[in-house]
Amino acid sequence: MARAKSIYCCSECGASSPKWQGQCPGCGEWNTLVESVAEKAASGHRFESLAPGAKLQTLSEIEAREVDRVATGIGEFDRALGGGLVAGGVVLIGGDPGIGKSTLLLQALAHLSGGHKVLYVSGEESGEQVALRARRLGLDTRRLQLLAEINLERILATLQAERPEVAVIDSIQTLWSDELSSAPGSVAQVRECSAQLTRLAKQTGVTIILVGHVTKEGALAGPRVLEHIVDTVLYFEGDTHSSFRLVRAVKNRFGAVNELGVFAMTDKGLKGVNNPSALFLSQHGQDVPGSCVMVTQEGTRPLLVEIQALVDTAHGNPRRLTVGLEAQRLAMLLAVLHRHAGIACFDQDVFVNAVGGVKIAEPAADLAVLIAIASSLKNRALPAKLIVFGEVGLAGEIRPAPRGQERLREAAKLGFTRAMIPEANRPKQAIPGIEVIAVRRVEEAVARVREFE
């Protein structure tokens, strides 16, 4: 029997090579080529149009309308989706094993089954295991249909015959197609199965939710083309040892990106958190040095997050460590603090942490980080009801943050009475209950902090 011919496919971009090499010829990434079986072209394979009878027309001729959304019954999940599910949309949700992806989707389908036809396709667990979880969560599953199958052709046939409004595929890495000889989870299988399911969703209007595994680096397993095919990409974040989970939208063709849903894991499943700012604020009995509260913007939602800094004498080479913030940006901020405010940390260990496990990528956290570092170095606590936000430039200027009014209103709603913000973010009309301190430069901000003492 002839040995099957092997090719090497990149797990990042999907490019193939006849032999293994350290660097992918397509995207240039290192050590991403994985051996798989070379696939023969399927005879008579046709690619049907997603819009039969489509004709050439100008954009002005097309009648644009708002897409109708279906609420899942879980408010925080709907927020991450941009308001709910869209007919014919394909959603990809990824996260670490055991973080709660299957639990959340089972809860959503149970809510939807009351007024919509839904289907749960399980490729990783048997029907008994899924039923046991639903019973443990106390869900009403009398109208929730289940299919335990991993063969793509049988799943497609079931979807075409049953025509559910919403279908969950758990997970895309377990599916395999008869037309391909490679193993389930390979680059070719993941790419083909996701493409076939997406084509079916667009043709029939079925909303399909795909569950994806993640690699040890935290990226979705399989080629990057998987994220390009789907309409919405959601990531589950959070420590499996903690009871809190975050669902973040990193791509959404029907809504805003970077929307955030906050959940708490309970014995009855995932529950939405109405006031997520409380999760990211520590409850100190008294004012402590090195603690500064900032307002970050996650999509359309402002969140109050506590930034903690610890500055201590270095024994050997000084260390800079961040949790939830960019490590490279910390080195830049320390240089700005030394050059423009005269506060040196070259002989100090500097540790910065965002409380609650949240990850802050926006530069509006710069000013809060600097104020927390200065507070810890001088061992002087900041006022308890002070919030800070603003971007810091290399020249020492403090730049405005987007949606400053919304940040201030959120802080006032939670009882904060004083805010240090960039001059460009100064509101035209005073916000009741909060005093605004507008600053232009880093040295001015540090000087104003000393006035609080």
Protein backbone atom coordinates (compact mmCIF):
# COMPACT_ATOMS: atom_id res chain seq x y z
CA MET A 1 0.00 0.00 0.00
CA ALA A 2 1.43 3.38 -1.02
CA ARG A 3 2.35 5.69 1.80
CA ALA A 4 0.20 8.82 2.03
CA LYS A 5 2.01 11.95 0.95
CA SER A 6 2.62 14.49 3.70
CA ILE A 7 2.63 18.26 3.57
CA TYR A 8 3.35 20.79 6.27
CA CYS A 9 0.72 23.45 7.04
CA CYS A 10 1.20 26.61 9.09
CA SER A 11 -1.00 26.79 12.17
CA GLU A 12 -1.05 30.60 11.94
CA CYS A 13 -1.86 31.43 8.32
CA GLY A 14 -2.68 28.04 6.76
CA ALA A 15 0.13 28.18 4.16
CA SER A 16 1.54 24.81 3.09
CA SER A 17 5.05 23.59 2.32
CA PRO A 18 6.21 20.24 0.80
CA LYS A 19 8.85 19.86 3.54
CA TRP A 20 9.34 21.02 7.08
CA GLN A 21 11.25 24.21 7.75
CA GLY A 22 11.68 26.39 10.77
CA GLN A 23 10.06 29.50 9.33
CA CYS A 24 6.68 29.61 7.57
CA PRO A 25 7.11 30.78 3.95
CA GLY A 26 3.72 32.51 4.09
CA CYS A 27 3.64 34.62 7.26
CA GLY A 28 7.23 34.33 8.50
CA GLU A 29 6.35 32.86 11.91
CA TRP A 30 8.76 30.35 13.44
CA ASN A 31 7.99 26.73 14.40
CA THR A 32 4.38 26.81 13.18
CA LEU A 33 4.52 24.16 10.42
CA VAL A 34 2.61 21.00 11.36
CA GLU A 35 2.67 17.76 9.38
CA SER A 36 -0.60 16.67 7.77
CA VAL A 37 -1.80 14.42 4.97
CA ALA A 38 -1.89 15.96 1.49
CA GLU A 39 -5.50 16.22 0.34
CA LYS A 40 -6.65 15.38 -3.16
CA ALA A 41 -9.06 17.68 -4.93
CA ALA A 42 -12.62 16.40 -4.57
CA SER A 43 -14.23 15.55 -7.90
CA GLY A 44 -17.34 17.52 -8.72
CA HIS A 45 -16.88 19.84 -5.73
CA ARG A 46 -18.94 23.01 -6.30
CA PHE A 47 -18.85 26.26 -4.41
CA GLU A 48 -22.31 27.75 -4.34
CA SER A 49 -22.88 31.47 -4.21
CA LEU A 50 -23.87 32.89 -0.83
CA ALA A 51 -26.34 35.20 -2.60
CA PRO A 52 -28.03 33.34 -5.49
CA GLY A 53 -29.04 35.60 -8.35
CA ALA A 54 -26.80 38.46 -7.17
CA LYS A 55 -26.40 41.28 -9.66
CA LEU A 56 -24.04 44.19 -10.06
CA GLN A 57 -25.34 47.34 -8.39
CA THR A 58 -24.16 50.54 -6.76
CA LEU A 59 -24.16 51.10 -3.02
CA SER A 60 -26.72 53.89 -3.35
CA GLU A 61 -29.22 51.39 -4.79
CA ILE A 62 -28.96 49.08 -1.80
CA GLU A 63 -31.52 49.65 0.93
CA ALA A 64 -29.64 49.51 4.21
CA ARG A 65 -31.54 48.50 7.34
CA GLU A 66 -30.71 47.61 10.89
CA VAL A 67 -30.19 43.92 11.49
CA ASP A 68 -32.68 42.19 13.75
CA ARG A 69 -31.18 40.66 16.86
CA VAL A 70 -32.26 37.77 19.03
CA ALA A 71 -31.59 38.25 22.73
CA THR A 72 -30.09 35.22 24.45
CA GLY A 73 -31.64 36.05 27.82
CA ILE A 74 -28.18 36.61 29.36
CA GLY A 75 -27.61 40.36 29.48
CA GLU A 76 -23.81 40.34 29.72
CA PHE A 77 -23.54 37.85 26.83
CA ASP A 78 -25.81 40.04 24.71
CA ARG A 79 -23.63 43.05 25.53
CA ALA A 80 -20.49 41.26 24.29
CA LEU A 81 -22.35 40.25 21.12
CA GLY A 82 -23.39 43.84 20.48
CA GLY A 83 -27.04 43.41 21.45
CA GLY A 84 -27.77 39.76 20.62
CA LEU A 85 -27.48 37.14 17.90
CA VAL A 86 -27.96 37.98 14.21
CA ALA A 87 -29.69 35.62 11.77
CA GLY A 88 -27.09 33.99 9.52
CA GLY A 89 -24.24 35.22 11.69
CA VAL A 90 -21.33 32.99 12.73
CA VAL A 91 -19.85 33.50 16.21
CA LEU A 92 -16.54 32.01 17.34
CA ILE A 93 -15.95 31.80 21.09
CA GLY A 94 -12.62 30.64 22.48
CA GLY A 95 -11.03 30.24 25.89
CA ASP A 96 -9.00 27.99 28.15
CA PRO A 97 -10.32 24.50 28.94
CA GLY A 98 -12.80 24.49 31.82
CA ILE A 99 -13.32 28.25 31.86
CA GLY A 100 -17.06 27.98 31.15
CA LYS A 101 -17.64 28.15 27.37
CA SER A 102 -19.94 25.12 27.19
CA THR A 103 -21.74 26.14 30.37
CA LEU A 104 -22.51 29.63 29.08
CA LEU A 105 -23.73 28.38 25.68
CA LEU A 106 -25.89 25.69 27.26
CA GLN A 107 -27.51 28.34 29.46
CA ALA A 108 -28.06 30.60 26.45
CA LEU A 109 -29.67 27.80 24.41
CA ALA A 110 -31.90 26.85 27.33
CA HIS A 111 -33.17 30.45 27.49
CA LEU A 112 -33.64 30.62 23.72
CA SER A 113 -35.45 27.28 23.50
CA GLY A 114 -38.53 28.83 25.11
CA GLY A 115 -39.38 30.77 21.96
CA HIS A 116 -36.92 29.62 19.29
CA LYS A 117 -35.83 26.37 17.70
CA VAL A 118 -32.28 25.57 18.84
CA LEU A 119 -29.78 22.74 18.40
CA TYR A 120 -26.73 21.81 20.47
CA VAL A 121 -24.12 19.74 18.59
CA SER A 122 -21.72 18.09 21.01
CA GLY A 123 -18.50 16.64 19.63
CA GLU A 124 -16.58 16.43 22.89
CA GLU A 125 -19.17 15.09 25.33
CA SER A 126 -21.83 12.42 25.14
CA GLY A 127 -25.52 13.22 25.41
CA GLU A 128 -25.57 11.88 28.97
CA GLN A 129 -22.78 14.24 30.03
CA VAL A 130 -24.53 17.28 28.55
CA ALA A 131 -27.84 16.27 30.15
CA LEU A 132 -26.12 15.82 33.51
CA ARG A 133 -24.65 19.33 33.32
CA ALA A 134 -28.01 20.84 32.35
CA ARG A 135 -29.68 19.07 35.26
CA ARG A 136 -26.98 20.31 37.64
CA LEU A 137 -27.52 23.87 36.43
CA GLY A 138 -31.29 23.55 36.85
CA LEU A 139 -32.06 24.41 33.20
CA ASP A 140 -35.32 23.78 31.40
CA THR A 141 -34.22 21.66 28.42
CA ARG A 142 -37.55 20.16 27.33
CA ARG A 143 -37.32 21.89 23.92
CA LEU A 144 -33.52 21.89 23.54
CA GLN A 145 -32.44 19.44 20.84
CA LEU A 146 -29.08 17.68 21.11
CA LEU A 147 -26.95 15.94 18.49
CA ALA A 148 -23.82 14.08 19.59
CA GLU A 149 -21.89 13.91 16.29
CA ILE A 150 -18.49 14.86 14.84
CA ASN A 151 -19.04 14.02 11.16
CA LEU A 152 -19.46 17.26 9.21
CA GLU A 153 -21.70 15.84 6.48
CA ARG A 154 -24.18 14.44 9.00
CA ILE A 155 -24.23 17.72 10.92
CA LEU A 156 -24.87 19.71 7.73
CA ALA A 157 -27.66 17.33 6.75
CA THR A 158 -29.28 17.72 10.18
CA LEU A 159 -29.04 21.51 10.04
CA GLN A 160 -30.62 21.60 6.58
CA ALA A 161 -33.41 19.23 7.61
CA GLU A 162 -34.24 20.74 11.00
CA ARG A 163 -33.49 24.41 10.17
CA PRO A 164 -32.92 25.59 13.76
CA GLU A 165 -32.67 29.32 14.40
CA VAL A 166 -29.54 28.92 16.55
CA ALA A 167 -27.03 26.06 16.55
CA VAL A 168 -23.97 25.55 18.75
CA ILE A 169 -21.01 23.46 17.52
CA ASP A 170 -18.93 22.31 20.48
CA SER A 171 -16.23 22.26 19.26
CA ILE A 172 -14.90 23.01 15.77
CA GLN A 173 -11.64 21.11 16.49
CA THR A 174 -13.52 17.80 16.91
CA LEU A 175 -15.26 17.86 13.51
CA TRP A 176 -14.02 15.98 10.47
CA SER A 177 -15.14 15.75 6.85
CA ASP A 178 -15.30 12.60 4.68
CA GLU A 179 -13.70 14.53 1.83
CA LEU A 180 -10.45 15.01 3.78
CA SER A 181 -8.20 12.24 5.05
CA SER A 182 -6.41 14.25 7.75
CA ALA A 183 -7.25 13.85 11.43
CA PRO A 184 -9.81 16.00 13.28
CA GLY A 185 -8.27 19.20 14.58
CA SER A 186 -5.75 19.48 11.75
CA VAL A 187 -5.38 22.73 9.84
CA ALA A 188 -7.15 21.35 6.76
CA GLN A 189 -10.10 19.91 8.72
CA VAL A 190 -10.65 23.04 10.84
CA ARG A 191 -10.49 25.30 7.79
CA GLU A 192 -12.82 23.17 5.65
CA CYS A 193 -15.38 22.49 8.40
CA SER A 194 -15.60 26.15 9.41
CA ALA A 195 -15.95 27.23 5.78
CA GLN A 196 -18.76 24.73 5.11
CA LEU A 197 -20.65 25.72 8.26
CA THR A 198 -20.28 29.43 7.45
CA ARG A 199 -21.57 28.84 3.93
CA LEU A 200 -24.61 27.02 5.31
CA ALA A 201 -25.30 29.81 7.83
CA LYS A 202 -25.26 32.48 5.11
CA GLN A 203 -27.50 30.46 2.78
CA THR A 204 -30.11 29.35 5.31
CA GLY A 205 -30.05 32.15 7.92
CA VAL A 206 -29.13 29.78 10.78
CA THR A 207 -27.08 31.45 13.50
CA ILE A 208 -24.09 29.21 14.26
CA ILE A 209 -21.89 29.51 17.35
CA LEU A 210 -18.53 27.72 17.10
CA VAL A 211 -16.49 26.80 20.17
CA GLY A 212 -12.73 26.96 19.58
CA HIS A 213 -9.78 25.70 21.56
CA VAL A 214 -6.88 27.99 22.41
CA THR A 215 -3.15 27.35 22.31
CA LYS A 216 -0.78 27.73 25.25
CA GLU A 217 -0.08 31.29 24.04
CA GLY A 218 -3.80 32.10 24.38
CA ALA A 219 -4.57 32.32 20.64
CA LEU A 220 -7.30 30.32 18.95
CA ALA A 221 -6.00 26.98 17.69
CA GLY A 222 -5.97 26.40 13.94
CA PRO A 223 -5.12 28.84 11.15
CA ARG A 224 -5.85 32.54 11.49
CA VAL A 225 -8.27 32.19 8.59
CA LEU A 226 -10.74 30.78 11.13
CA GLU A 227 -11.07 34.23 12.72
CA HIS A 228 -11.35 35.92 9.32
CA ILE A 229 -14.24 33.72 8.16
CA VAL A 230 -16.59 34.27 11.10
CA ASP A 231 -18.56 37.44 11.87
CA THR A 232 -17.86 37.70 15.60
CA VAL A 233 -14.94 36.52 17.73
CA LEU A 234 -15.32 36.33 21.51
CA TYR A 235 -12.60 35.44 24.01
CA PHE A 236 -13.21 34.03 27.48
CA GLU A 237 -10.76 35.58 29.95
CA GLY A 238 -10.12 35.06 33.62
CA ASP A 239 -8.36 32.73 36.00
CA THR A 240 -9.94 29.29 36.32
CA HIS A 241 -9.16 29.47 40.06
CA SER A 242 -11.27 32.64 40.38
CA SER A 243 -15.06 32.83 40.25
CA PHE A 244 -15.08 35.76 37.81
CA ARG A 245 -15.06 35.47 34.02
CA LEU A 246 -14.79 38.08 31.27
CA VAL A 247 -16.12 37.68 27.73
CA ARG A 248 -14.45 40.15 25.37
CA ALA A 249 -15.39 40.82 21.73
CA VAL A 250 -12.27 41.25 19.58
CA LYS A 251 -14.14 41.24 16.26
CA ASN A 252 -17.77 42.01 15.46
CA ARG A 253 -19.18 42.79 12.03
CA PHE A 254 -22.53 43.68 13.60
CA GLY A 255 -21.42 45.74 16.59
CA ALA A 256 -18.61 47.44 18.47
CA VAL A 257 -15.40 45.61 19.28
CA ASN A 258 -13.85 45.43 22.76
CA GLU A 259 -17.27 45.11 24.38
CA LEU A 260 -16.96 43.30 27.67
CA GLY A 261 -19.32 40.97 29.51
CA VAL A 262 -18.60 40.21 33.16
CA PHE A 263 -19.78 36.98 34.81
CA ALA A 264 -19.52 35.24 38.15
CA MET A 265 -19.31 31.43 38.21
CA THR A 266 -21.79 29.96 40.68
CA ASP A 267 -23.14 26.49 41.40
CA LYS A 268 -26.01 27.33 39.01
CA GLY A 269 -23.76 28.42 36.15
CA LEU A 270 -22.55 31.81 34.99
CA LYS A 271 -24.42 34.84 36.31
CA GLY A 272 -24.06 38.35 34.88
CA VAL A 273 -22.52 41.01 37.13
CA ASN A 274 -24.51 44.25 37.06
CA ASN A 275 -21.82 46.41 38.71
CA PRO A 276 -18.48 45.06 37.45
CA SER A 277 -16.51 48.04 38.81
CA ALA A 278 -16.92 46.53 42.28
CA LEU A 279 -14.87 43.51 41.16
CA PHE A 280 -11.84 45.60 40.25
CA LEU A 281 -11.75 47.79 43.37
CA SER A 282 -10.10 46.52 46.54
CA GLN A 283 -11.83 47.14 49.84
CA HIS A 284 -9.19 48.80 52.03
CA GLY A 285 -9.96 49.56 55.64
CA GLN A 286 -7.83 52.72 55.38
CA ASP A 287 -5.97 54.72 52.74
CA VAL A 288 -2.86 52.84 51.59
CA PRO A 289 0.15 54.07 49.58
CA GLY A 290 0.53 52.88 45.99
CA SER A 291 -3.20 52.55 45.27
CA CYS A 292 -4.85 54.67 42.57
CA VAL A 293 -8.27 54.20 40.96
CA MET A 294 -8.70 54.86 37.23
CA VAL A 295 -11.62 54.71 34.79
CA THR A 296 -10.98 52.51 31.76
CA GLN A 297 -13.23 52.22 28.75
CA GLU A 298 -14.14 48.70 27.58
CA GLY A 299 -16.15 49.17 24.40
CA THR A 300 -19.10 51.33 25.41
CA ARG A 301 -18.78 50.51 29.12
CA PRO A 302 -16.66 52.58 31.55
CA LEU A 303 -15.11 50.51 34.35
CA LEU A 304 -13.38 51.62 37.53
CA VAL A 305 -10.18 49.65 38.10
CA GLU A 306 -7.72 49.96 40.94
CA ILE A 307 -4.06 50.25 39.92
CA GLN A 308 -1.65 49.08 42.61
CA ALA A 309 2.07 49.87 42.60
CA LEU A 310 4.82 48.63 44.90
CA VAL A 311 8.22 50.35 44.79
CA ASP A 312 10.98 48.83 46.92
CA THR A 313 14.76 49.00 47.14
CA ALA A 314 16.34 46.68 44.59
CA HIS A 315 18.81 44.00 45.68
CA GLY A 316 20.79 43.54 42.47
CA ASN A 317 19.33 44.44 39.10
CA PRO A 318 16.08 46.44 39.45
CA ARG A 319 13.01 44.55 38.24
CA ARG A 320 9.94 45.90 36.44
CA LEU A 321 6.91 43.63 36.53
CA THR A 322 3.34 44.32 35.43
CA VAL A 323 0.15 42.26 35.72
CA GLY A 324 -2.70 43.33 33.44
CA LEU A 325 -0.70 46.21 31.90
CA GLU A 326 1.96 46.51 29.18
CA ALA A 327 5.44 45.85 30.57
CA GLN A 328 7.23 47.87 27.88
CA ARG A 329 5.07 50.90 28.58
CA LEU A 330 6.04 50.81 32.25
CA ALA A 331 9.72 51.33 31.37
CA MET A 332 8.76 54.34 29.24
CA LEU A 333 6.61 55.85 32.01
CA LEU A 334 9.42 55.51 34.55
CA ALA A 335 11.74 57.42 32.22
CA VAL A 336 9.13 60.18 31.79
CA LEU A 337 8.62 60.35 35.57
CA HIS A 338 12.37 60.78 36.12
CA ARG A 339 12.97 63.28 33.34
CA HIS A 340 10.00 65.59 33.84
CA ALA A 341 9.04 65.15 37.53
CA GLY A 342 12.45 64.45 39.04
CA ILE A 343 11.36 61.14 40.62
CA ALA A 344 14.02 58.47 40.03
CA CYS A 345 13.39 54.72 40.31
CA PHE A 346 16.61 53.40 38.74
CA ASP A 347 17.60 51.68 42.00
CA GLN A 348 14.09 50.44 42.86
CA ASP A 349 12.04 47.35 42.04
CA VAL A 350 8.73 48.45 40.53
CA PHE A 351 5.69 46.16 40.49
CA VAL A 352 2.36 47.29 39.01
CA ASN A 353 -0.91 45.34 39.13
CA ALA A 354 -4.44 45.87 37.83
CA VAL A 355 -6.79 44.48 40.50
CA GLY A 356 -9.28 41.75 39.59
CA GLY A 357 -7.39 40.14 36.71
CA VAL A 358 -8.58 42.68 34.13
CA LYS A 359 -6.25 43.51 31.22
CA ILE A 360 -5.87 47.18 30.33
CA ALA A 361 -4.47 47.95 26.90
CA GLU A 362 -5.48 51.58 26.47
CA PRO A 363 -2.93 54.35 27.20
CA ALA A 364 -5.43 56.22 29.39
CA ALA A 365 -3.99 54.23 32.33
CA ASP A 366 -0.62 56.04 32.08
CA LEU A 367 -1.34 58.84 34.52
CA ALA A 368 -2.85 56.49 37.12
CA VAL A 369 0.25 54.26 36.93
CA LEU A 370 2.59 57.23 37.46
CA ILE A 371 0.56 58.56 40.39
CA ALA A 372 0.47 55.09 42.03
CA ILE A 373 4.25 54.71 41.61
CA ALA A 374 4.91 58.14 43.12
CA SER A 375 2.56 57.35 46.01
CA SER A 376 4.32 54.07 46.79
CA LEU A 377 7.82 55.56 46.48
CA LYS A 378 7.00 58.42 48.87
CA ASN A 379 4.93 56.06 51.09
CA ARG A 380 2.02 58.52 51.11
CA ALA A 381 -1.55 57.45 50.47
CA LEU A 382 -3.84 59.13 47.96
CA PRO A 383 -7.34 60.34 48.91
CA ALA A 384 -9.87 57.51 48.94
CA LYS A 385 -12.38 59.18 46.60
CA LEU A 386 -9.90 60.20 43.86
CA ILE A 387 -9.98 58.82 40.32
CA VAL A 388 -7.31 59.45 37.68
CA PHE A 389 -7.04 58.88 33.92
CA GLY A 390 -5.01 60.30 31.05
CA GLU A 391 -2.35 59.37 28.50
CA VAL A 392 1.24 60.49 29.10
CA GLY A 393 3.55 61.49 26.24
CA LEU A 394 7.34 61.30 26.10
CA ALA A 395 7.55 65.09 26.31
CA GLY A 396 5.72 64.98 29.65
CA GLU A 397 2.39 66.23 28.30
CA ILE A 398 -0.89 64.66 29.40
CA ARG A 399 -3.11 63.84 26.46
CA PRO A 400 -6.90 63.43 26.53
CA ALA A 401 -8.66 60.08 26.79
CA PRO A 402 -11.70 59.25 24.65
CA ARG A 403 -15.18 59.52 26.19
CA GLY A 404 -14.00 61.51 29.18
CA GLN A 405 -17.53 62.65 30.09
CA GLU A 406 -18.76 59.06 30.40
CA ARG A 407 -15.80 58.16 32.60
CA LEU A 408 -16.50 61.05 34.95
CA ARG A 409 -20.22 60.23 35.18
CA GLU A 410 -19.42 56.61 36.05
CA ALA A 411 -17.03 57.73 38.80
CA ALA A 412 -19.59 60.17 40.23
CA LYS A 413 -22.25 57.45 40.18
CA LEU A 414 -20.01 55.22 42.32
CA GLY A 415 -19.37 57.93 44.90
CA PHE A 416 -16.02 59.41 43.84
CA THR A 417 -15.73 63.11 44.65
CA ARG A 418 -12.46 64.15 42.99
CA ALA A 419 -10.99 63.47 39.53
CA MET A 420 -7.56 64.27 38.08
CA ILE A 421 -7.91 64.35 34.31
CA PRO A 422 -6.22 65.91 31.24
CA GLU A 423 -7.00 69.56 30.58
CA ALA A 424 -8.52 68.62 27.20
CA ASN A 425 -11.06 66.41 28.99
CA ARG A 426 -12.33 69.18 31.26
CA PRO A 427 -16.15 69.11 30.95
CA LYS A 428 -17.87 72.27 29.69
CA GLN A 429 -20.54 71.86 32.34
CA ALA A 430 -19.82 70.79 35.88
CA ILE A 431 -20.77 67.22 36.80
CA PRO A 432 -22.67 67.16 40.12
CA GLY A 433 -20.83 65.56 43.02
CA ILE A 434 -17.32 65.49 41.57
CA GLU A 435 -14.51 68.06 41.64
CA VAL A 436 -12.40 68.12 38.47
CA ILE A 437 -8.65 68.79 38.65
CA ALA A 438 -7.39 69.33 35.09
CA VAL A 439 -3.63 69.04 34.46
CA ARG A 440 -1.46 69.58 31.38
CA ARG A 441 1.89 68.02 32.34
CA VAL A 442 3.32 65.25 34.52
CA GLU A 443 5.14 67.62 36.89
CA GLU A 444 1.91 69.53 37.44
CA ALA A 445 0.04 66.30 38.24
CA VAL A 446 2.70 65.21 40.78
CA ALA A 447 2.63 68.67 42.38
CA ARG A 448 -1.17 68.57 42.69
CA VAL A 449 -0.96 65.17 44.37
CA ARG A 450 1.38 66.61 47.00
CA GLU A 451 -1.27 69.22 47.80
CA PHE A 452 -3.61 66.42 48.92
CA GLU A 453 -1.24 65.42 51.71
